[in-house]
Amino acid sequence: FHFIRFETRRMPNAIDLIRANNLHLNIHTMGATGGGAHKFATEWEDLLGIQMDKQEELDCLVAGMQFVLSTVVGECYTFRPDEEQKRKRARSSNGSTNEDSHGNY
């Protein structure tokens, strides 16, 4: 299995990249979540010949976390939303705009 994330706003670029590199030739069905899975399903099928197997985003998130927690032994994962929000506010008040969609620079 391979997991790739395409932002909805960059979907036309993703489709062009996939087609230009023939990455779609042996793929008939692909799992996808979110609004882009519904919005671009017709384009994926028409341009790439790939049918979208649309899944509920939260269900996939929970299943993925269950998989990681049950198979990756000895790891610890944390989420601190208050600290993350503070960092984002600090970055935006400093005028930093080079942040990607994951909060990385």
C-alpha atoms as a PDB file:
ATOM      1  CA  PHE A   1       0.000   0.000   0.000  1.00  0.00           C
ATOM      2  CA  HIS A   2       1.102   3.539  -0.724  1.00  0.00           C
ATOM      3  CA  PHE A   3      -0.505   6.629   0.727  1.00  0.00           C
ATOM      4  CA  ILE A   4      -0.247   9.870  -1.177  1.00  0.00           C
ATOM      5  CA  ARG A   5      -1.868  13.128  -0.224  1.00  0.00           C
ATOM      6  CA  PHE A   6      -3.035  15.567  -2.887  1.00  0.00           C
ATOM      7  CA  GLU A   7      -4.535  18.873  -1.846  1.00  0.00           C
ATOM      8  CA  THR A   8      -7.805  19.613  -3.624  1.00  0.00           C
ATOM      9  CA  ARG A   9      -6.529  22.970  -4.857  1.00  0.00           C
ATOM     10  CA  ARG A  10      -3.598  21.225  -6.582  1.00  0.00           C
ATOM     11  CA  MET A  11      -5.535  18.335  -8.102  1.00  0.00           C
ATOM     12  CA  PRO A  12      -5.112  19.425 -11.745  1.00  0.00           C
ATOM     13  CA  ASN A  13      -1.320  19.454 -11.218  1.00  0.00           C
ATOM     14  CA  ALA A  14      -1.480  16.010  -9.596  1.00  0.00           C
ATOM     15  CA  ILE A  15      -3.453  14.591 -12.522  1.00  0.00           C
ATOM     16  CA  ASP A  16      -0.961  16.082 -14.997  1.00  0.00           C
ATOM     17  CA  LEU A  17       1.990  14.657 -13.033  1.00  0.00           C
ATOM     18  CA  ILE A  18       0.448  11.201 -12.863  1.00  0.00           C
ATOM     19  CA  ARG A  19      -0.386  11.174 -16.570  1.00  0.00           C
ATOM     20  CA  ALA A  20       3.001  12.576 -17.652  1.00  0.00           C
ATOM     21  CA  ASN A  21       4.838   9.844 -15.736  1.00  0.00           C
ATOM     22  CA  ASN A  22       2.412   7.021 -16.629  1.00  0.00           C
ATOM     23  CA  LEU A  23       1.812   6.319 -12.952  1.00  0.00           C
ATOM     24  CA  HIS A  24      -1.795   5.397 -13.645  1.00  0.00           C
ATOM     25  CA  LEU A  25      -1.336   2.590 -16.155  1.00  0.00           C
ATOM     26  CA  ASN A  26      -1.856  -0.362 -13.803  1.00  0.00           C
ATOM     27  CA  ILE A  27      -4.298   1.273 -11.391  1.00  0.00           C
ATOM     28  CA  HIS A  28      -7.999   0.647 -11.875  1.00  0.00           C
ATOM     29  CA  THR A  29      -9.403   1.695  -8.488  1.00  0.00           C
ATOM     30  CA  MET A  30      -8.006   3.995  -5.840  1.00  0.00           C
ATOM     31  CA  GLY A  31      -9.219   4.728  -2.316  1.00  0.00           C
ATOM     32  CA  ALA A  32      -9.728   8.402  -1.541  1.00  0.00           C
ATOM     33  CA  THR A  33     -11.206  10.593   1.186  1.00  0.00           C
ATOM     34  CA  GLY A  34     -12.399  14.143   1.477  1.00  0.00           C
ATOM     35  CA  GLY A  35     -14.199  16.521  -0.818  1.00  0.00           C
ATOM     36  CA  GLY A  36     -11.674  16.086  -3.620  1.00  0.00           C
ATOM     37  CA  ALA A  37     -12.580  12.404  -3.883  1.00  0.00           C
ATOM     38  CA  HIS A  38     -16.097  13.449  -4.853  1.00  0.00           C
ATOM     39  CA  LYS A  39     -15.276  16.644  -6.734  1.00  0.00           C
ATOM     40  CA  PHE A  40     -12.640  15.089  -9.010  1.00  0.00           C
ATOM     41  CA  ALA A  41     -13.926  11.501  -9.353  1.00  0.00           C
ATOM     42  CA  THR A  42     -15.184  12.080 -12.893  1.00  0.00           C
ATOM     43  CA  GLU A  43     -11.917  13.683 -14.014  1.00  0.00           C
ATOM     44  CA  TRP A  44      -9.846  10.828 -12.551  1.00  0.00           C
ATOM     45  CA  GLU A  45     -11.959   8.304 -14.412  1.00  0.00           C
ATOM     46  CA  ASP A  46     -12.108  10.250 -17.692  1.00  0.00           C
ATOM     47  CA  LEU A  47      -8.457  11.367 -17.817  1.00  0.00           C
ATOM     48  CA  LEU A  48      -6.686   8.516 -16.034  1.00  0.00           C
ATOM     49  CA  GLY A  49      -9.108   5.596 -16.149  1.00  0.00           C
ATOM     50  CA  ILE A  50      -9.079   5.311 -12.360  1.00  0.00           C
ATOM     51  CA  GLN A  51     -12.288   4.879 -10.389  1.00  0.00           C
ATOM     52  CA  MET A  52     -12.422   6.493  -6.951  1.00  0.00           C
ATOM     53  CA  ASP A  53     -13.381   4.233  -4.057  1.00  0.00           C
ATOM     54  CA  LYS A  54     -14.669   7.037  -1.824  1.00  0.00           C
ATOM     55  CA  GLN A  55     -14.241   6.494   1.919  1.00  0.00           C
ATOM     56  CA  GLU A  56     -15.291   8.468   4.968  1.00  0.00           C
ATOM     57  CA  GLU A  57     -12.363  10.573   6.147  1.00  0.00           C
ATOM     58  CA  LEU A  58     -12.845  10.101   9.899  1.00  0.00           C
ATOM     59  CA  ASP A  59     -13.325   6.334   9.540  1.00  0.00           C
ATOM     60  CA  CYS A  60     -10.034   6.134   7.630  1.00  0.00           C
ATOM     61  CA  LEU A  61      -8.238   8.259  10.210  1.00  0.00           C
ATOM     62  CA  VAL A  62      -9.408   6.022  13.064  1.00  0.00           C
ATOM     63  CA  ALA A  63      -8.574   2.823  11.146  1.00  0.00           C
ATOM     64  CA  GLY A  64      -5.122   4.194  10.320  1.00  0.00           C
ATOM     65  CA  MET A  65      -4.426   5.113  13.925  1.00  0.00           C
ATOM     66  CA  GLN A  66      -5.602   1.678  15.075  1.00  0.00           C
ATOM     67  CA  PHE A  67      -3.263   0.091  12.536  1.00  0.00           C
ATOM     68  CA  VAL A  68      -0.255   2.175  13.615  1.00  0.00           C
ATOM     69  CA  LEU A  69      -0.893   1.686  17.319  1.00  0.00           C
ATOM     70  CA  SER A  70      -1.304  -2.087  16.949  1.00  0.00           C
ATOM     71  CA  THR A  71       1.626  -2.763  14.591  1.00  0.00           C
ATOM     72  CA  VAL A  72       4.308  -0.227  15.476  1.00  0.00           C
ATOM     73  CA  VAL A  73       5.457  -1.472  18.876  1.00  0.00           C
ATOM     74  CA  GLY A  74       7.302   0.738  21.337  1.00  0.00           C
ATOM     75  CA  GLU A  75       6.342   4.091  19.853  1.00  0.00           C
ATOM     76  CA  CYS A  76       4.587   6.943  21.598  1.00  0.00           C
ATOM     77  CA  TYR A  77       2.450   9.509  19.774  1.00  0.00           C
ATOM     78  CA  THR A  78       1.227  12.787  21.192  1.00  0.00           C
ATOM     79  CA  PHE A  79      -0.928  15.609  19.995  1.00  0.00           C
ATOM     80  CA  ARG A  80      -0.893  18.935  21.755  1.00  0.00           C
ATOM     81  CA  PRO A  81      -3.323  21.213  19.950  1.00  0.00           C
ATOM     82  CA  ASP A  82      -2.822  24.150  22.322  1.00  0.00           C
ATOM     83  CA  GLU A  83       0.946  24.221  21.716  1.00  0.00           C
ATOM     84  CA  GLU A  84       0.521  23.815  17.948  1.00  0.00           C
ATOM     85  CA  GLN A  85      -1.958  26.681  17.814  1.00  0.00           C
ATOM     86  CA  LYS A  86       0.436  28.890  19.807  1.00  0.00           C
ATOM     87  CA  ARG A  87       3.267  28.122  17.347  1.00  0.00           C
ATOM     88  CA  LYS A  88       1.061  28.895  14.347  1.00  0.00           C
ATOM     89  CA  ARG A  89      -0.071  32.195  15.854  1.00  0.00           C
ATOM     90  CA  ALA A  90       3.544  33.118  16.647  1.00  0.00           C
ATOM     91  CA  ARG A  91       4.627  32.330  13.075  1.00  0.00           C
ATOM     92  CA  SER A  92       1.802  34.335  11.547  1.00  0.00           C
ATOM     93  CA  SER A  93       2.460  37.321  13.806  1.00  0.00           C
ATOM     94  CA  ASN A  94       6.128  37.233  12.731  1.00  0.00           C
ATOM     95  CA  GLY A  95       5.039  37.512   9.116  1.00  0.00           C
ATOM     96  CA  SER A  96       6.274  34.033   8.160  1.00  0.00           C
ATOM     97  CA  THR A  97       4.388  32.802   5.113  1.00  0.00           C
ATOM     98  CA  ASN A  98       6.674  30.037   3.874  1.00  0.00           C
ATOM     99  CA  GLU A  99       4.740  27.393   5.739  1.00  0.00           C
ATOM    100  CA  ASP A 100       3.398  24.342   3.883  1.00  0.00           C
ATOM    101  CA  SER A 101       0.018  22.720   4.545  1.00  0.00           C
ATOM    102  CA  HIS A 102       1.524  20.644   7.383  1.00  0.00           C
ATOM    103  CA  GLY A 103       2.929  23.629   9.250  1.00  0.00           C
ATOM    104  CA  ASN A 104       6.480  22.948   8.021  1.00  0.00           C
ATOM    105  CA  TYR A 105       8.870  25.351   6.378  1.00  0.00           C
END
